[in-house]
N, C-alpha and C. Protein backbone atom coordinates (compact mmCIF):
# COMPACT_ATOMS: atom_id res chain seq x y z
N UNK A 1 66.69 -32.88 -231.01
CA UNK A 1 67.64 -32.67 -232.22
C UNK A 1 68.50 -33.07 -233.08
N UNK A 2 69.16 -34.11 -232.36
CA UNK A 2 70.33 -34.91 -232.51
C UNK A 2 69.77 -36.17 -233.55
N UNK A 3 68.69 -36.38 -232.75
CA UNK A 3 67.90 -37.80 -233.77
C UNK A 3 67.46 -37.50 -235.15
N UNK A 4 66.98 -36.10 -235.04
CA UNK A 4 66.40 -35.53 -236.29
C UNK A 4 67.77 -35.15 -237.37
N UNK A 5 68.63 -34.70 -236.84
CA UNK A 5 70.13 -34.35 -237.83
C UNK A 5 70.61 -35.76 -238.12
N UNK A 6 70.69 -37.22 -237.58
CA UNK A 6 71.02 -38.33 -237.52
C UNK A 6 70.17 -38.84 -238.84
N UNK A 7 68.73 -38.65 -238.76
CA UNK A 7 67.61 -39.10 -239.65
C UNK A 7 67.88 -38.51 -241.09
N UNK A 8 68.07 -37.20 -240.82
CA UNK A 8 68.37 -36.46 -242.33
C UNK A 8 69.98 -36.82 -243.15
N UNK A 9 70.61 -36.77 -242.11
CA UNK A 9 72.13 -37.28 -242.38
C UNK A 9 72.18 -38.79 -243.41
N UNK A 10 70.98 -39.64 -242.61
CA UNK A 10 71.22 -41.15 -243.24
C UNK A 10 70.40 -41.07 -244.41
N UNK A 11 69.20 -40.11 -244.89
CA UNK A 11 68.60 -39.89 -245.84
C UNK A 11 69.44 -39.39 -246.99
N UNK A 12 70.45 -38.55 -246.64
CA UNK A 12 71.22 -37.70 -247.74
C UNK A 12 72.11 -38.89 -248.02
N UNK A 13 72.73 -39.73 -247.31
CA UNK A 13 73.73 -40.67 -247.47
C UNK A 13 73.14 -41.47 -248.74
N UNK A 14 71.84 -42.28 -247.79
CA UNK A 14 71.23 -43.12 -249.01
C UNK A 14 71.01 -43.15 -250.22
N UNK A 15 70.65 -41.49 -250.37
CA UNK A 15 70.16 -40.68 -252.14
C UNK A 15 71.33 -40.82 -252.64
N UNK A 16 72.50 -40.67 -252.05
CA UNK A 16 73.76 -40.21 -252.55
C UNK A 16 74.54 -41.46 -252.87
N UNK A 17 74.07 -42.81 -252.18
CA UNK A 17 74.49 -43.93 -252.44
C UNK A 17 73.82 -44.65 -253.74
N UNK A 18 72.63 -44.52 -253.62
CA UNK A 18 71.86 -44.90 -254.75
C UNK A 18 72.58 -44.30 -256.33
N UNK A 19 72.62 -42.87 -255.81
CA UNK A 19 72.91 -42.27 -257.64
C UNK A 19 74.15 -42.97 -257.98
N UNK A 20 75.08 -43.15 -257.40
CA UNK A 20 76.11 -43.46 -257.61
C UNK A 20 76.07 -45.02 -257.83
N UNK A 21 75.49 -45.67 -257.37
CA UNK A 21 75.31 -47.35 -257.77
C UNK A 21 74.67 -47.55 -258.99
N UNK A 22 74.09 -46.44 -259.60
CA UNK A 22 73.22 -47.13 -261.00
C UNK A 22 72.03 -47.42 -260.64
N UNK A 23 71.52 -47.00 -259.44
CA UNK A 23 70.07 -47.22 -258.98
C UNK A 23 69.00 -46.46 -260.15
N UNK A 24 69.79 -45.09 -260.93
CA UNK A 24 69.06 -44.42 -261.48
C UNK A 24 69.54 -44.51 -263.13
N UNK A 25 69.98 -45.58 -263.56
CA UNK A 25 70.68 -45.89 -264.89
C UNK A 25 69.42 -45.69 -265.79
N UNK A 26 70.03 -45.02 -266.88
CA UNK A 26 69.56 -44.77 -268.11
C UNK A 26 70.08 -45.35 -269.42
N UNK A 27 69.73 -44.89 -270.16
CA UNK A 27 70.53 -45.18 -271.57
C UNK A 27 71.88 -44.77 -271.66
N UNK A 28 72.49 -45.77 -272.11
CA UNK A 28 73.98 -45.72 -272.33
C UNK A 28 74.41 -44.26 -273.33
N UNK A 29 75.40 -43.57 -273.03
CA UNK A 29 75.72 -42.54 -274.06
C UNK A 29 76.02 -42.87 -275.36
N UNK A 30 75.84 -42.28 -276.45
CA UNK A 30 76.02 -42.73 -277.96
C UNK A 30 77.62 -42.61 -277.86
N UNK A 31 78.06 -43.54 -278.61
CA UNK A 31 79.47 -43.44 -278.69
C UNK A 31 80.02 -42.59 -279.46
N UNK A 32 81.13 -41.82 -279.49
CA UNK A 32 81.93 -40.76 -280.28
C UNK A 32 82.35 -41.55 -281.70
N UNK A 33 82.20 -42.35 -282.25
CA UNK A 33 82.56 -43.13 -283.39
C UNK A 33 81.53 -43.46 -284.08
N UNK A 34 81.58 -44.14 -285.50
CA UNK A 34 80.68 -44.61 -286.11
C UNK A 34 80.07 -45.88 -285.90
N UNK A 35 78.95 -46.04 -285.46
CA UNK A 35 78.38 -46.93 -284.76
C UNK A 35 77.13 -47.82 -285.18
N UNK A 36 76.85 -49.13 -284.83
CA UNK A 36 75.50 -49.61 -285.15
C UNK A 36 74.94 -50.36 -283.79
N UNK A 37 73.91 -50.60 -283.75
CA UNK A 37 73.27 -51.63 -282.58
C UNK A 37 73.60 -53.10 -282.86
N UNK A 38 73.88 -53.79 -282.09
CA UNK A 38 74.30 -55.29 -282.22
C UNK A 38 73.43 -56.25 -281.22
N UNK A 39 72.72 -56.96 -281.57
CA UNK A 39 71.66 -57.03 -280.83
C UNK A 39 71.97 -58.95 -280.51
N UNK A 40 71.38 -59.76 -279.20
CA UNK A 40 71.84 -61.08 -279.07
C UNK A 40 73.40 -61.30 -278.90
N UNK A 41 74.20 -60.33 -278.54
CA UNK A 41 75.43 -60.82 -278.25
C UNK A 41 76.06 -60.31 -276.70
N UNK A 42 75.03 -59.81 -275.89
CA UNK A 42 75.35 -58.84 -274.88
C UNK A 42 75.30 -59.99 -273.71
N UNK A 43 76.11 -60.05 -272.90
CA UNK A 43 76.23 -60.53 -271.34
C UNK A 43 75.28 -59.99 -270.57
N UNK A 44 74.54 -60.91 -269.51
CA UNK A 44 73.71 -60.34 -268.54
C UNK A 44 74.32 -59.09 -267.75
N UNK A 45 73.30 -57.91 -267.58
CA UNK A 45 73.81 -56.73 -267.04
C UNK A 45 74.70 -55.87 -267.95
N UNK A 46 74.63 -56.24 -269.00
CA UNK A 46 75.67 -55.25 -270.04
C UNK A 46 75.06 -54.46 -270.99
N UNK A 47 73.67 -54.59 -271.25
CA UNK A 47 73.26 -53.97 -272.41
C UNK A 47 73.36 -52.50 -272.31
N UNK A 48 73.40 -51.75 -273.37
CA UNK A 48 73.10 -50.19 -273.43
C UNK A 48 72.10 -49.47 -273.52
N UNK A 49 70.95 -50.12 -273.64
CA UNK A 49 69.79 -49.38 -273.29
C UNK A 49 68.42 -50.27 -273.22
N UNK A 50 67.10 -49.73 -272.76
CA UNK A 50 66.01 -50.30 -272.83
C UNK A 50 65.31 -51.19 -273.85
N UNK A 51 64.62 -52.28 -273.32
CA UNK A 51 64.12 -53.09 -274.58
C UNK A 51 62.69 -53.51 -274.03
N UNK A 52 62.15 -54.28 -274.67
CA UNK A 52 60.57 -54.84 -274.37
C UNK A 52 60.65 -55.14 -272.89
N UNK A 53 61.77 -56.20 -272.53
CA UNK A 53 61.60 -56.90 -271.40
C UNK A 53 62.36 -56.28 -269.79
N UNK A 54 63.06 -55.03 -270.30
CA UNK A 54 63.73 -54.29 -269.05
C UNK A 54 63.57 -52.75 -269.72
N UNK A 55 64.03 -51.70 -268.45
CA UNK A 55 63.62 -50.47 -268.72
C UNK A 55 65.12 -49.83 -268.86
N UNK A 56 66.60 -50.30 -268.53
CA UNK A 56 67.49 -49.24 -268.62
C UNK A 56 68.66 -50.20 -268.89
N UNK A 57 69.83 -49.55 -269.37
CA UNK A 57 70.92 -49.91 -269.38
C UNK A 57 71.46 -50.91 -268.54
N UNK A 58 72.15 -51.93 -268.64
CA UNK A 58 72.96 -52.86 -267.36
C UNK A 58 71.93 -53.76 -266.97
N UNK A 59 70.80 -53.78 -267.58
CA UNK A 59 69.46 -54.37 -266.75
C UNK A 59 68.91 -55.76 -267.27
N UNK A 60 69.78 -56.51 -268.36
CA UNK A 60 69.82 -57.20 -268.96
C UNK A 60 69.59 -58.60 -268.04
N UNK A 61 68.82 -59.63 -268.03
CA UNK A 61 68.95 -60.63 -267.18
C UNK A 61 69.56 -61.95 -267.42
N UNK A 62 69.81 -62.14 -268.89
CA UNK A 62 70.27 -63.31 -269.10
C UNK A 62 71.47 -63.16 -270.36
N UNK A 63 72.09 -63.83 -270.69
CA UNK A 63 73.16 -63.70 -271.78
C UNK A 63 72.47 -63.95 -273.02
N UNK A 64 72.76 -63.18 -273.88
CA UNK A 64 72.32 -63.18 -275.32
C UNK A 64 70.97 -63.06 -275.15
N UNK A 65 70.37 -62.46 -274.52
CA UNK A 65 69.12 -62.18 -274.85
C UNK A 65 68.74 -61.54 -276.12
N UNK A 66 67.81 -62.07 -277.24
CA UNK A 66 67.40 -61.26 -278.44
C UNK A 66 67.02 -59.86 -278.88
N UNK A 67 66.62 -59.47 -277.40
CA UNK A 67 66.29 -58.09 -277.74
C UNK A 67 67.27 -56.86 -277.21
N UNK A 68 68.20 -57.49 -276.37
CA UNK A 68 69.25 -56.66 -275.53
C UNK A 68 70.28 -56.58 -276.68
N UNK A 69 70.77 -55.13 -276.47
CA UNK A 69 72.11 -54.68 -277.78
C UNK A 69 73.09 -53.89 -276.74
N UNK A 70 73.96 -53.57 -277.54
CA UNK A 70 75.11 -52.67 -277.73
C UNK A 70 75.81 -52.25 -278.49
N UNK A 71 76.61 -50.84 -278.33
CA UNK A 71 76.93 -50.51 -279.36
C UNK A 71 78.29 -50.76 -279.81
N UNK A 72 78.16 -50.87 -281.12
CA UNK A 72 79.68 -51.81 -281.62
C UNK A 72 80.15 -50.52 -282.76
N UNK A 73 81.35 -50.57 -283.44
CA UNK A 73 81.63 -50.10 -284.32
C UNK A 73 81.19 -50.63 -285.74
N UNK A 74 80.43 -49.52 -286.36
CA UNK A 74 79.64 -49.93 -287.55
C UNK A 74 80.40 -51.03 -288.56
N UNK A 75 79.89 -52.12 -289.05
CA UNK A 75 80.42 -53.06 -289.87
C UNK A 75 80.76 -54.32 -289.14
N UNK A 76 80.83 -53.93 -287.86
CA UNK A 76 81.54 -55.12 -286.69
C UNK A 76 80.45 -56.37 -286.37
N UNK A 77 79.26 -55.73 -286.25
CA UNK A 77 78.05 -56.47 -285.76
C UNK A 77 77.91 -57.91 -286.41
N UNK A 78 77.63 -57.77 -287.86
CA UNK A 78 77.97 -58.99 -288.76
C UNK A 78 78.97 -60.08 -288.77
N UNK A 79 80.03 -59.48 -288.20
CA UNK A 79 81.30 -60.48 -288.12
C UNK A 79 81.16 -61.23 -286.41
N UNK A 80 80.12 -60.93 -285.98
CA UNK A 80 80.09 -61.52 -284.43
C UNK A 80 79.12 -63.12 -284.71
N UNK A 81 79.32 -64.01 -284.16
CA UNK A 81 78.48 -65.29 -284.35
C UNK A 81 77.53 -65.07 -283.34
N UNK A 82 76.13 -65.40 -284.09
CA UNK A 82 74.92 -64.83 -283.11
C UNK A 82 74.44 -63.82 -283.31
N UNK A 83 75.13 -62.81 -284.13
CA UNK A 83 74.54 -61.34 -283.47
C UNK A 83 73.52 -60.95 -284.70
N UNK A 84 72.96 -59.70 -284.38
CA UNK A 84 72.04 -59.23 -285.68
C UNK A 84 72.01 -57.73 -285.37
N UNK A 85 71.46 -57.29 -286.13
CA UNK A 85 71.62 -55.84 -286.22
C UNK A 85 69.94 -55.13 -286.17
N UNK A 86 69.39 -56.36 -285.74
CA UNK A 86 67.74 -55.92 -285.72
C UNK A 86 67.50 -56.84 -284.22
N UNK A 87 66.55 -56.97 -283.81
CA UNK A 87 65.96 -57.46 -282.71
C UNK A 87 65.47 -58.70 -282.83
N UNK A 88 66.14 -59.77 -282.25
CA UNK A 88 65.58 -61.17 -282.44
C UNK A 88 63.95 -61.91 -281.94
N UNK A 89 63.33 -62.35 -282.20
CA UNK A 89 62.12 -62.88 -281.31
C UNK A 89 62.64 -63.48 -280.59
């Protein structure tokens, strides 16, 4: 009986740890301000949503991937060197 409780407790703890660690990450919430998507200027692991090469926010694998984007205030993307408001090939 004690072994069963220990096993169930361990499983519950593992699930709780996975949900708080971002293992079930999804798309980032849309910001409250007027925004646009800015492609090609995201650091690895800081993208806001899925792309053709990865499925969730925070899962880009390289800096400045052309298809990875972040939300920025409207009108800002064009002011950032190397950025685009459309995915880069």
